[in-house]
Protein backbone atom coordinates (compact mmCIF):
# COMPACT_ATOMS: atom_id res chain seq x y z
CA UNK A 1 96.31 78.83 110.77
CA UNK A 2 93.30 81.09 110.65
CA UNK A 3 89.59 80.42 110.39
CA UNK A 4 89.92 81.54 106.74
CA UNK A 5 92.02 78.56 105.62
CA UNK A 6 90.64 77.07 102.43
CA UNK A 7 88.26 79.95 101.66
CA UNK A 8 88.68 81.70 98.31
CA UNK A 9 89.31 85.44 98.39
CA UNK A 10 86.09 87.37 97.82
CA UNK A 11 86.49 91.14 97.48
CA UNK A 12 82.82 91.85 98.22
CA UNK A 13 82.90 89.75 101.39
CA UNK A 14 86.13 91.40 102.52
CA UNK A 15 84.63 94.88 102.00
CA UNK A 16 81.53 93.90 103.98
CA UNK A 17 83.66 92.56 106.82
CA UNK A 18 85.76 95.72 106.88
CA UNK A 19 82.59 97.84 107.11
CA UNK A 20 81.29 95.63 109.94
CA UNK A 21 84.65 95.86 111.71
CA UNK A 22 84.20 99.62 111.97
CA UNK A 23 81.13 99.10 114.15
CA UNK A 24 82.28 96.38 116.58
CA UNK A 25 82.63 97.32 120.25
CA UNK A 26 86.26 97.79 121.24
CA UNK A 27 87.44 97.23 124.80
CA UNK A 28 88.73 100.54 126.24
CA UNK A 29 91.26 98.78 128.49
CA UNK A 30 92.40 95.35 129.48
CA UNK A 31 94.61 92.59 128.19
CA UNK A 32 95.04 91.54 124.59
CA UNK A 33 93.15 88.35 123.80
CA UNK A 34 93.46 86.11 120.75
CA UNK A 35 90.19 84.36 119.95
CA UNK A 36 89.83 81.03 118.19
CA UNK A 37 87.14 78.98 116.55
CA UNK A 38 85.58 76.80 119.28
CA UNK A 39 85.71 73.67 117.12
CA UNK A 40 89.13 74.01 115.50
CA UNK A 41 91.04 76.52 117.61
CA UNK A 42 92.01 78.42 114.45
CA UNK A 43 92.54 82.15 114.92
CA UNK A 44 89.41 84.26 114.35
CA UNK A 45 90.27 87.63 115.94
CA UNK A 46 92.48 89.41 118.43
CA UNK A 47 91.27 92.28 120.54
CA UNK A 48 92.90 94.57 123.02
CA UNK A 49 92.57 98.07 124.39
CA UNK A 50 90.98 100.08 121.60
CA UNK A 51 91.57 97.61 118.75
CA UNK A 52 90.44 94.44 117.00
CA UNK A 53 92.32 92.45 114.33
CA UNK A 54 90.64 89.88 112.06
CA UNK A 55 91.84 87.64 109.23
CA UNK A 56 90.12 88.35 105.90
CA UNK A 57 91.83 85.69 103.77
CA UNK A 58 94.45 82.97 104.12
CA UNK A 59 96.35 81.59 101.16
CA UNK A 60 97.60 78.09 100.56
CA UNK A 61 100.58 76.74 102.51
CA UNK A 62 103.83 77.27 100.66
CA UNK A 63 105.58 74.03 101.68
CA UNK A 64 106.93 72.31 98.60
CA UNK A 65 106.31 75.39 96.44
CA UNK A 66 109.24 76.77 94.45
CA UNK A 67 109.78 79.39 91.75
CA UNK A 68 107.94 80.30 89.55
CA UNK A 69 104.87 79.10 91.49
CA UNK A 70 106.26 80.77 94.63
CA UNK A 71 106.49 84.13 92.89
CA UNK A 72 103.01 83.66 91.43
CA UNK A 73 101.56 82.98 94.89
CA UNK A 74 103.33 86.03 96.35
CA UNK A 75 102.06 88.24 93.53
CA UNK A 76 98.51 86.90 93.91
CA UNK A 77 98.50 87.68 97.65
CA UNK A 78 99.81 91.20 97.00
CA UNK A 79 97.17 91.66 94.27
CA UNK A 80 94.42 90.78 96.77
CA UNK A 81 95.78 93.36 99.20
CA UNK A 82 96.02 95.99 96.45
CA UNK A 83 92.48 95.32 95.16
CA UNK A 84 90.99 95.70 98.63
CA UNK A 85 93.11 98.80 99.30
CA UNK A 86 91.95 100.35 96.01
CA UNK A 87 88.29 99.86 96.95
CA UNK A 88 88.86 101.35 100.39
CA UNK A 89 90.72 104.22 98.74
CA UNK A 90 87.63 104.97 96.63
CA UNK A 91 85.58 105.18 99.83
CA UNK A 92 87.94 107.01 102.15
CA UNK A 93 90.70 108.49 100.05
CA UNK A 94 94.39 107.68 100.16
CA UNK A 95 95.88 105.64 102.96
CA UNK A 96 99.04 106.24 104.94
CA UNK A 97 101.79 103.66 105.11
CA UNK A 98 102.93 102.67 108.58
CA UNK A 99 106.16 100.69 108.36
CA UNK A 100 106.56 98.07 111.06
CA UNK A 101 110.26 97.28 110.78
CA UNK A 102 111.29 99.36 113.81
CA UNK A 103 108.68 98.00 116.25
CA UNK A 104 109.28 94.50 114.85
CA UNK A 105 113.02 94.72 115.51
CA UNK A 106 112.34 96.03 119.01
CA UNK A 107 109.82 93.23 119.66
CA UNK A 108 112.21 90.58 118.35
CA UNK A 109 114.87 92.02 120.64
CA UNK A 110 112.63 91.61 123.67
CA UNK A 111 111.65 95.26 124.09
CA UNK A 112 108.10 96.29 124.85
CA UNK A 113 106.06 97.62 121.93
CA UNK A 114 102.55 99.03 121.69
CA UNK A 115 99.92 96.34 122.44
CA UNK A 116 98.51 96.66 118.92
CA UNK A 117 101.89 95.88 117.35
CA UNK A 118 102.50 93.08 119.83
CA UNK A 119 99.15 91.56 118.83
CA UNK A 120 100.00 91.82 115.12
CA UNK A 121 103.39 90.19 115.60
CA UNK A 122 101.95 87.36 117.72
CA UNK A 123 99.75 86.48 114.73
CA UNK A 124 102.77 86.65 112.39
CA UNK A 125 101.44 89.79 110.70
CA UNK A 126 104.73 91.52 109.94
CA UNK A 127 103.72 93.43 106.81
CA UNK A 128 103.55 97.21 106.81
CA UNK A 129 100.15 98.73 107.50
CA UNK A 130 97.96 100.62 105.05
CA UNK A 131 95.98 102.95 107.35
CA UNK A 132 92.86 105.01 106.67
CA UNK A 133 91.25 107.33 109.09
CA UNK A 134 89.66 108.58 110.94
CA UNK A 135 86.71 107.02 109.06
CA UNK A 136 83.13 106.10 109.88
CA UNK A 137 80.77 107.64 112.37
CA UNK A 138 83.04 106.79 115.32
CA UNK A 139 86.15 108.24 113.65
CA UNK A 140 88.09 105.01 113.87
CA UNK A 141 91.26 104.04 112.05
CA UNK A 142 91.22 101.04 109.74
CA UNK A 143 94.31 99.23 108.49
CA UNK A 144 95.21 96.32 106.23
CA UNK A 145 98.29 94.14 106.39
CA UNK A 146 99.63 91.05 104.69
CA UNK A 147 101.85 88.68 106.64
CA UNK A 148 103.34 85.23 106.89
CA UNK A 149 105.28 83.67 109.73
CA UNK A 150 107.92 81.95 107.61
CA UNK A 151 108.56 80.76 104.10
CA UNK A 152 106.32 77.68 104.25
CA UNK A 153 103.32 79.27 105.95
CA UNK A 154 100.40 80.68 103.97
CA UNK A 155 100.06 84.43 103.51
CA UNK A 156 97.34 86.04 105.62
CA UNK A 157 95.48 89.23 104.72
CA UNK A 158 94.15 90.90 107.86
CA UNK A 159 92.28 94.06 108.81
CA UNK A 160 92.36 95.98 112.04
CA UNK A 161 90.26 98.71 113.53
CA UNK A 162 91.41 101.06 116.27
CA UNK A 163 89.83 103.91 118.15
CA UNK A 164 93.32 105.42 118.54
CA UNK A 165 95.98 106.65 116.16
CA UNK A 166 97.93 103.88 114.43
CA UNK A 167 101.54 104.94 114.04
CA UNK A 168 104.92 103.36 114.59
CA UNK A 169 107.81 105.12 116.21
CA UNK A 170 110.11 106.79 113.75
CA UNK A 171 113.06 106.27 116.04
CA UNK A 172 115.84 104.13 114.67
CA UNK A 173 115.91 100.47 115.53
CA UNK A 174 118.27 99.06 118.14
CA UNK A 175 121.65 98.05 116.80
């Protein structure tokens, strides 16, 4: 669960938070740390060397939800991602897609992956990244992703900022 559970999606708020994310201090080195709300323990952010990941929206749990409501919920989550991506595209131009299937397979197989990808996967953010950048005064990269840990968990729309390139290896996955 994230600190966004129960909040409605608000495009204006999400855009403001993305803009603010571009200005947060990023640790140059050190371990990756997941941060939680002091009262509830729900995930609020993860930061590591050169990056920060935050949840922007969390959907409803999917337990007990079946088709067609399941499909409707999936489409609504994707629509939120697309609407935010369209607005960011107006500001910064087209994004690049960074598929995560290869680092995800490596991570699931026990191999080391980049700390940024490890942090995404530990928060169940398995969706491919939409990456813009460099953007902003500091020339940072910004990315969006949509993920869910399993079929019953709510979808989570998250943003990340990095002061380094965001790219997955194009090597083939382990067999």
